[in-house]
N, C-alpha and C. Protein backbone atom coordinates (compact mmCIF):
# COMPACT_ATOMS: atom_id res chain seq x y z
N UNK A 1 54.77 48.06 73.78
CA UNK A 1 56.19 48.35 74.05
C UNK A 1 55.80 49.72 75.21
N UNK A 2 56.37 49.55 76.29
CA UNK A 2 56.25 50.31 77.37
C UNK A 2 56.84 51.82 77.41
N UNK A 3 56.45 53.12 77.67
CA UNK A 3 56.92 54.38 77.51
C UNK A 3 57.20 54.95 78.74
N UNK A 4 57.05 54.30 79.86
CA UNK A 4 57.32 55.21 81.25
C UNK A 4 58.92 54.50 81.90
N UNK A 5 59.10 55.31 82.95
CA UNK A 5 60.53 54.84 83.36
C UNK A 5 60.34 54.00 84.42
N UNK A 6 61.58 53.36 84.26
CA UNK A 6 61.48 51.82 85.26
C UNK A 6 61.81 52.59 86.84
N UNK A 7 61.33 51.83 87.86
CA UNK A 7 61.71 52.33 89.09
C UNK A 7 63.27 52.88 89.45
N UNK A 8 63.94 51.68 89.04
CA UNK A 8 65.59 51.94 89.08
C UNK A 8 65.97 53.22 88.45
N UNK A 9 65.48 53.36 87.03
CA UNK A 9 65.80 54.42 86.46
C UNK A 9 65.29 55.55 87.27
N UNK A 10 64.36 55.64 87.79
CA UNK A 10 64.07 57.00 88.86
C UNK A 10 64.83 57.39 90.07
N UNK A 11 65.34 55.87 90.62
CA UNK A 11 66.18 55.76 91.84
C UNK A 11 67.42 56.50 91.40
N UNK A 12 68.20 56.09 90.25
CA UNK A 12 69.45 56.52 89.56
C UNK A 12 69.17 58.30 89.46
N UNK A 13 68.10 58.56 89.10
CA UNK A 13 68.06 59.97 88.51
C UNK A 13 68.07 60.81 90.18
N UNK A 14 67.27 60.32 91.11
CA UNK A 14 67.17 60.62 92.47
C UNK A 14 68.44 60.98 93.07
N UNK A 15 69.34 59.61 92.86
CA UNK A 15 70.26 60.21 93.76
C UNK A 15 71.60 60.97 92.88
N UNK A 16 71.54 60.69 91.62
CA UNK A 16 72.34 61.97 90.91
C UNK A 16 72.06 63.61 91.20
N UNK A 17 70.95 63.57 91.48
CA UNK A 17 70.53 64.95 91.73
C UNK A 17 70.80 65.21 92.94
N UNK A 18 70.36 64.46 94.27
CA UNK A 18 71.12 64.43 95.56
C UNK A 18 72.65 64.60 95.72
N UNK A 19 73.25 64.12 94.75
CA UNK A 19 74.83 64.42 94.87
C UNK A 19 75.11 65.70 94.25
N UNK A 20 74.49 66.29 93.14
CA UNK A 20 74.63 67.40 92.59
C UNK A 20 74.40 68.43 93.64
N UNK A 21 72.95 68.13 94.41
CA UNK A 21 72.74 69.25 95.44
C UNK A 21 73.78 69.30 96.68
N UNK A 22 74.52 68.11 97.12
CA UNK A 22 75.28 68.14 97.95
C UNK A 22 76.56 68.89 97.76
N UNK A 23 76.77 69.24 96.06
CA UNK A 23 77.67 69.75 95.98
C UNK A 23 77.80 71.39 95.49
N UNK A 24 76.52 71.50 95.50
CA UNK A 24 75.79 73.01 94.87
C UNK A 24 75.47 73.56 96.06
N UNK A 25 74.80 73.06 96.89
CA UNK A 25 74.44 73.94 98.14
C UNK A 25 75.56 74.88 99.16
N UNK A 26 76.64 73.98 99.53
CA UNK A 26 77.52 74.61 100.05
C UNK A 26 78.01 75.85 99.55
N UNK A 27 78.54 75.54 97.91
CA UNK A 27 79.11 76.62 97.15
C UNK A 27 78.00 77.92 97.33
N UNK A 28 76.65 77.72 97.11
CA UNK A 28 75.61 78.56 97.07
C UNK A 28 76.19 79.37 98.20
N UNK A 29 75.75 78.75 99.39
CA UNK A 29 75.99 79.31 100.68
C UNK A 29 77.51 80.27 100.82
N UNK A 30 78.91 79.93 100.21
CA UNK A 30 79.88 80.45 100.48
C UNK A 30 79.81 81.81 99.71
N UNK A 31 79.25 81.65 98.10
CA UNK A 31 78.99 82.55 97.40
C UNK A 31 78.09 83.88 98.07
N UNK A 32 77.03 83.29 98.88
CA UNK A 32 76.16 84.37 99.51
C UNK A 32 76.94 85.09 100.26
N UNK A 33 77.53 84.34 101.21
CA UNK A 33 78.26 84.90 102.24
C UNK A 33 79.63 85.88 101.79
N UNK A 34 80.20 85.80 100.46
CA UNK A 34 81.33 86.76 100.05
C UNK A 34 80.33 87.68 99.55
N UNK A 35 79.38 87.63 98.76
CA UNK A 35 78.53 88.88 98.15
C UNK A 35 78.34 89.76 99.17
N UNK A 36 77.72 89.14 100.52
CA UNK A 36 77.22 89.88 101.82
C UNK A 36 78.75 91.15 102.16
N UNK A 37 79.65 89.82 102.11
CA UNK A 37 81.10 91.01 102.41
C UNK A 37 81.33 92.18 101.62
N UNK A 38 81.38 91.61 100.55
CA UNK A 38 81.84 92.59 99.21
C UNK A 38 80.55 93.82 99.36
N UNK A 39 79.52 93.60 99.83
CA UNK A 39 78.52 94.69 99.70
C UNK A 39 78.56 95.54 101.31
N UNK A 40 79.11 94.94 102.18
CA UNK A 40 79.36 95.82 103.48
C UNK A 40 80.68 96.33 103.16
N UNK A 41 81.63 96.02 102.42
CA UNK A 41 82.95 96.72 102.23
C UNK A 41 82.49 97.83 101.38
N UNK A 42 82.06 97.55 100.03
CA UNK A 42 81.35 98.99 99.67
C UNK A 42 80.42 100.05 100.22
N UNK A 43 79.60 99.57 101.38
CA UNK A 43 78.97 100.41 102.09
C UNK A 43 79.87 101.28 102.79
N UNK A 44 80.97 100.53 103.34
CA UNK A 44 81.96 101.44 104.27
C UNK A 44 82.93 102.43 103.55
N UNK A 45 83.33 101.96 102.28
CA UNK A 45 83.86 102.66 101.47
C UNK A 45 83.33 103.63 101.34
N UNK A 46 82.08 103.80 100.72
CA UNK A 46 80.94 105.04 100.34
C UNK A 46 80.61 105.48 101.82
N UNK A 47 80.55 105.14 102.44
CA UNK A 47 80.41 105.88 103.98
C UNK A 47 81.37 107.05 104.27
N UNK A 48 82.79 106.36 104.33
CA UNK A 48 84.08 106.98 104.75
C UNK A 48 84.17 108.25 103.84
N UNK A 49 84.05 107.96 102.31
CA UNK A 49 84.07 108.79 101.36
C UNK A 49 83.18 110.03 101.53
N UNK A 50 82.06 109.55 101.67
CA UNK A 50 80.68 110.56 101.71
C UNK A 50 80.96 111.36 102.75
N UNK A 51 81.03 110.87 104.07
CA UNK A 51 81.09 111.58 105.03
C UNK A 51 82.59 112.65 105.33
N UNK A 52 83.47 112.36 105.05
CA UNK A 52 84.74 113.19 105.08
C UNK A 52 84.11 114.41 104.13
N UNK A 53 84.12 114.10 102.88
CA UNK A 53 83.39 115.29 101.51
C UNK A 53 82.38 116.12 102.31
N UNK A 54 81.47 115.58 103.03
CA UNK A 54 80.37 116.31 103.59
C UNK A 54 81.04 117.40 104.70
N UNK A 55 81.69 116.69 105.43
CA UNK A 55 82.59 117.37 106.51
C UNK A 55 83.09 118.74 105.97
N UNK A 56 83.90 118.53 105.05
CA UNK A 56 85.13 119.47 104.50
C UNK A 56 84.35 120.47 103.48
N UNK A 57 83.30 119.84 102.84
CA UNK A 57 82.84 120.68 101.69
C UNK A 57 81.94 121.47 102.31
N UNK A 58 81.18 121.44 103.58
CA UNK A 58 80.10 122.10 103.98
C UNK A 58 80.47 122.47 105.50
N UNK A 59 81.55 122.14 105.58
CA UNK A 59 82.38 122.65 106.90
C UNK A 59 81.39 122.18 108.30
N UNK A 60 81.07 121.17 108.31
CA UNK A 60 79.91 120.53 109.50
C UNK A 60 80.61 120.96 110.53
N UNK A 61 79.98 121.44 111.88
CA UNK A 61 80.45 121.53 112.91
C UNK A 61 80.47 120.31 113.80
N UNK A 62 81.07 120.01 114.83
CA UNK A 62 81.19 118.66 115.38
C UNK A 62 79.88 118.21 115.97
N UNK A 63 78.97 119.12 116.33
CA UNK A 63 77.73 119.14 117.05
C UNK A 63 76.69 118.49 116.02
N UNK A 64 77.16 118.31 114.62
CA UNK A 64 76.06 118.34 113.82
C UNK A 64 76.22 117.19 113.05
N UNK A 65 77.21 116.22 113.85
CA UNK A 65 77.52 114.64 113.29
C UNK A 65 77.38 113.64 114.34
N UNK A 66 76.40 113.07 113.95
CA UNK A 66 75.82 111.91 114.90
C UNK A 66 75.48 110.43 113.96
N UNK A 67 75.06 109.80 114.62
CA UNK A 67 74.93 108.17 113.66
C UNK A 67 73.92 108.71 112.55
N UNK A 68 72.87 109.13 112.84
CA UNK A 68 71.74 109.45 112.24
C UNK A 68 72.17 110.26 110.90
N UNK A 69 72.87 111.52 111.29
CA UNK A 69 73.20 112.42 110.11
C UNK A 69 74.19 111.44 109.21
N UNK A 70 75.14 110.83 109.57
CA UNK A 70 76.32 109.93 108.84
C UNK A 70 75.54 108.86 108.07
N UNK A 71 74.47 108.30 108.64
CA UNK A 71 73.57 107.41 108.11
C UNK A 71 73.35 107.95 106.69
N UNK A 72 72.41 109.25 106.97
CA UNK A 72 71.84 110.32 105.69
C UNK A 72 72.60 110.63 104.94
N UNK A 73 74.06 111.18 105.22
CA UNK A 73 74.84 111.64 104.33
C UNK A 73 75.63 110.50 103.75
N UNK A 74 75.98 109.45 104.19
CA UNK A 74 76.47 108.25 103.44
C UNK A 74 75.69 107.61 102.61
N UNK A 75 74.06 107.51 103.09
CA UNK A 75 73.15 106.98 101.99
C UNK A 75 73.14 105.37 102.61
N UNK A 76 73.50 105.30 103.45
CA UNK A 76 73.37 103.71 104.03
C UNK A 76 71.86 103.13 104.07
N UNK A 77 71.73 102.15 103.93
CA UNK A 77 70.29 101.23 103.90
C UNK A 77 70.04 101.17 105.31
N UNK A 78 68.88 101.52 105.37
CA UNK A 78 68.12 100.95 107.02
C UNK A 78 68.24 99.52 107.20
N UNK A 79 68.18 99.04 106.02
CA UNK A 79 67.74 97.68 106.64
C UNK A 79 69.13 96.85 106.92
N UNK A 80 70.62 97.37 106.47
CA UNK A 80 71.56 96.66 106.77
C UNK A 80 72.24 97.27 107.98
N UNK A 81 72.21 98.63 108.14
CA UNK A 81 72.91 99.51 109.14
C UNK A 81 71.79 100.23 109.94
N UNK A 82 72.35 100.39 111.24
CA UNK A 82 71.36 101.25 112.36
C UNK A 82 72.44 102.43 113.04
N UNK A 83 71.78 103.42 113.07
CA UNK A 83 72.67 104.36 114.06
C UNK A 83 72.13 104.01 115.63
N UNK A 84 73.27 104.08 116.19
CA UNK A 84 73.15 103.96 117.59
C UNK A 84 73.99 105.13 118.35
N UNK A 85 73.50 106.01 118.55
CA UNK A 85 73.98 107.18 119.35
C UNK A 85 74.88 108.06 118.05
N UNK A 86 76.10 108.20 118.63
CA UNK A 86 77.48 108.65 117.37
C UNK A 86 77.95 107.61 116.36
N UNK A 87 77.09 106.33 116.77
CA UNK A 87 77.73 105.55 116.10
C UNK A 87 76.90 104.68 114.76
N UNK A 88 77.36 103.93 113.95
CA UNK A 88 76.75 103.12 112.97
C UNK A 88 77.39 101.55 113.26
N UNK A 89 76.23 100.69 113.26
CA UNK A 89 76.60 99.20 113.24
C UNK A 89 75.49 98.80 112.43
N UNK A 90 76.26 97.40 111.93
CA UNK A 90 75.42 96.48 111.30
C UNK A 90 74.14 96.17 111.97
N UNK A 91 72.95 96.14 111.12
CA UNK A 91 71.83 95.83 111.83
C UNK A 91 71.17 94.55 110.75
N UNK A 92 70.03 93.90 111.82
CA UNK A 92 69.17 93.06 111.22
C UNK A 92 68.08 92.97 112.05
N UNK A 93 67.13 93.33 111.00
CA UNK A 93 65.72 93.22 111.41
C UNK A 93 65.11 94.58 112.66
N UNK A 94 65.93 95.37 112.07
CA UNK A 94 65.55 96.88 113.00
C UNK A 94 66.60 96.85 114.19
N UNK A 95 67.66 95.93 114.59
CA UNK A 95 68.33 96.34 115.75
C UNK A 95 69.79 95.73 115.34
N UNK A 96 70.49 95.99 116.34
CA UNK A 96 71.75 95.80 115.87
C UNK A 96 72.18 94.30 115.75
N UNK A 97 72.67 93.78 114.75
CA UNK A 97 72.81 92.27 114.63
C UNK A 97 74.09 91.83 115.22
N UNK A 98 73.35 91.27 116.56
CA UNK A 98 74.14 90.52 117.64
C UNK A 98 75.08 89.58 117.23
N UNK A 99 74.91 88.58 116.04
CA UNK A 99 75.80 87.78 115.59
C UNK A 99 76.80 88.50 114.81
N UNK A 100 76.66 89.52 114.07
CA UNK A 100 78.02 90.27 113.38
C UNK A 100 77.99 91.53 113.88
N UNK A 101 78.34 91.67 115.32
CA UNK A 101 78.58 92.90 115.76
C UNK A 101 79.85 93.35 115.75
N UNK A 102 80.58 93.25 114.48
CA UNK A 102 82.14 93.42 114.80
C UNK A 102 82.72 94.93 114.12
N UNK A 103 81.66 95.60 113.62
CA UNK A 103 81.95 96.98 112.68
C UNK A 103 81.28 97.90 113.78
N UNK A 104 82.13 98.70 113.59
CA UNK A 104 81.50 100.70 113.96
C UNK A 104 82.02 101.19 113.66
N UNK A 105 80.92 102.43 113.17
CA UNK A 105 81.80 103.57 112.35
C UNK A 105 81.30 104.49 113.52
N UNK A 106 82.14 105.75 113.92
CA UNK A 106 81.83 106.43 114.86
C UNK A 106 82.38 107.63 114.72
N UNK A 107 81.85 108.82 115.09
CA UNK A 107 81.92 109.73 115.31
C UNK A 107 82.56 110.38 116.68
N UNK A 108 83.91 110.42 117.04
CA UNK A 108 84.63 110.36 118.33
C UNK A 108 85.21 111.78 118.89
N UNK A 109 85.48 111.90 120.11
CA UNK A 109 86.29 112.90 120.57
C UNK A 109 85.91 114.41 120.05
N UNK A 110 84.61 114.41 119.14
CA UNK A 110 84.12 115.84 118.60
C UNK A 110 85.22 115.99 117.66
N UNK A 111 85.89 114.96 116.86
CA UNK A 111 86.85 115.28 115.74
C UNK A 111 87.12 114.33 114.86
N UNK A 112 86.96 113.32 115.13
CA UNK A 112 87.85 112.10 114.53
C UNK A 112 86.29 110.80 114.12
N UNK A 113 86.92 110.47 112.76
CA UNK A 113 85.75 109.37 112.44
C UNK A 113 86.44 107.89 112.67
N UNK A 114 86.11 107.30 113.12
CA UNK A 114 86.71 106.13 113.80
C UNK A 114 85.80 104.95 113.36
N UNK A 115 86.63 103.89 112.32
CA UNK A 115 86.16 102.65 111.52
C UNK A 115 86.72 101.53 112.51
N UNK A 116 86.01 100.83 113.59
CA UNK A 116 86.67 100.04 114.45
C UNK A 116 86.00 98.49 113.69
N UNK A 117 86.99 97.66 113.73
CA UNK A 117 86.47 96.50 113.44
C UNK A 117 86.87 95.29 114.52
N UNK A 118 86.12 94.68 114.98
CA UNK A 118 86.63 93.61 116.20
C UNK A 118 86.62 92.22 115.81
N UNK A 119 87.69 91.60 115.89
CA UNK A 119 87.39 90.14 115.28
C UNK A 119 86.21 89.45 116.36
N UNK A 120 85.58 88.62 115.53
CA UNK A 120 84.63 87.93 116.15
C UNK A 120 84.56 86.85 115.50
N UNK A 121 85.61 85.72 116.09
CA UNK A 121 85.67 84.56 115.53
C UNK A 121 84.30 83.31 115.35
N UNK A 122 83.42 83.82 115.49
CA UNK A 122 81.84 82.73 115.73
C UNK A 122 81.24 83.70 114.46
N UNK A 123 81.92 84.56 113.84
CA UNK A 123 81.00 84.92 112.65
C UNK A 123 81.96 84.93 111.39
N UNK A 124 81.47 84.15 110.24
CA UNK A 124 82.40 84.05 109.01
C UNK A 124 82.07 85.56 108.28
N UNK A 125 81.24 86.30 108.41
CA UNK A 125 81.27 87.48 107.70
C UNK A 125 82.07 88.57 108.37
N UNK A 126 82.42 88.38 109.92
CA UNK A 126 83.41 89.28 110.27
C UNK A 126 84.78 88.94 110.12
N UNK A 127 84.54 87.45 109.80
CA UNK A 127 86.20 86.92 109.40
C UNK A 127 86.68 87.23 108.44
N UNK A 128 85.51 87.71 107.28
CA UNK A 128 86.32 87.83 105.92
C UNK A 128 86.20 89.33 105.98
N UNK A 129 85.53 89.77 106.74
CA UNK A 129 85.94 91.71 106.81
C UNK A 129 87.28 91.80 107.34
N UNK A 130 87.44 91.30 108.24
CA UNK A 130 88.96 91.45 109.12
C UNK A 130 89.86 90.99 108.27
N UNK A 131 90.18 90.52 107.24
CA UNK A 131 91.01 90.15 106.08
C UNK A 131 91.17 90.98 105.33
N UNK A 132 90.45 91.79 105.10
CA UNK A 132 90.35 93.10 103.89
C UNK A 132 90.78 94.52 104.76
N UNK A 133 89.82 94.66 105.79
CA UNK A 133 89.60 95.92 106.04
C UNK A 133 90.37 95.77 107.75
N UNK A 134 91.00 97.26 108.06
CA UNK A 134 91.70 97.41 109.20
C UNK A 134 90.80 98.37 109.87
N UNK A 135 90.95 98.62 111.21
CA UNK A 135 90.43 99.57 112.14
C UNK A 135 91.03 100.80 111.91
N UNK A 136 90.76 102.01 111.70
CA UNK A 136 91.56 103.50 111.69
C UNK A 136 90.79 104.66 112.13
N UNK A 137 91.44 105.52 112.29
CA UNK A 137 91.07 106.75 112.58
C UNK A 137 90.92 108.10 111.64
N UNK A 138 90.21 108.55 111.14
CA UNK A 138 90.28 109.72 110.45
C UNK A 138 90.10 111.14 110.75
N UNK A 139 91.09 111.81 111.09
CA UNK A 139 90.55 113.22 111.52
C UNK A 139 89.83 114.16 110.58
N UNK A 140 88.85 114.09 111.09
CA UNK A 140 88.05 115.20 110.21
C UNK A 140 87.36 116.71 110.62
N UNK A 141 87.64 117.04 111.90
CA UNK A 141 87.89 118.46 112.22
C UNK A 141 88.95 119.04 112.96
N UNK A 142 89.38 120.15 112.12
CA UNK A 142 91.05 120.43 112.65
C UNK A 142 91.18 121.64 113.13
N UNK A 143 89.88 122.23 113.90
CA UNK A 143 89.60 123.49 114.58
C UNK A 143 89.09 123.52 115.79
């Protein structure tokens, strides 16, 4: 009696694995994109809170606030975010992420922290973020 699989059995197993993979791969991709959006939302919430707390607790002057100082205060990862002048933007490979350039956190007018989300229909990540976040201006310096 033989103890090996027939060619037909192997073909059926390969076909079943192919069907399962065709179902699982899109789900995995969607889950990864959602996890990235959640992580960015968390970063933004943390950054807004930390910057507000630091400005009011230490009475920072407007001249002390720029993109680099906001990155440091908020504890944002340099692999995901980059300081560009008085702004913070999403980063990829050490530069502004051109595919997902829809988020800007900026200290402007020497008094306001501005979170700007620009709709970017070509970016699924930006679409997810625009559904849950909106642009806002937070006054920081009152004098």
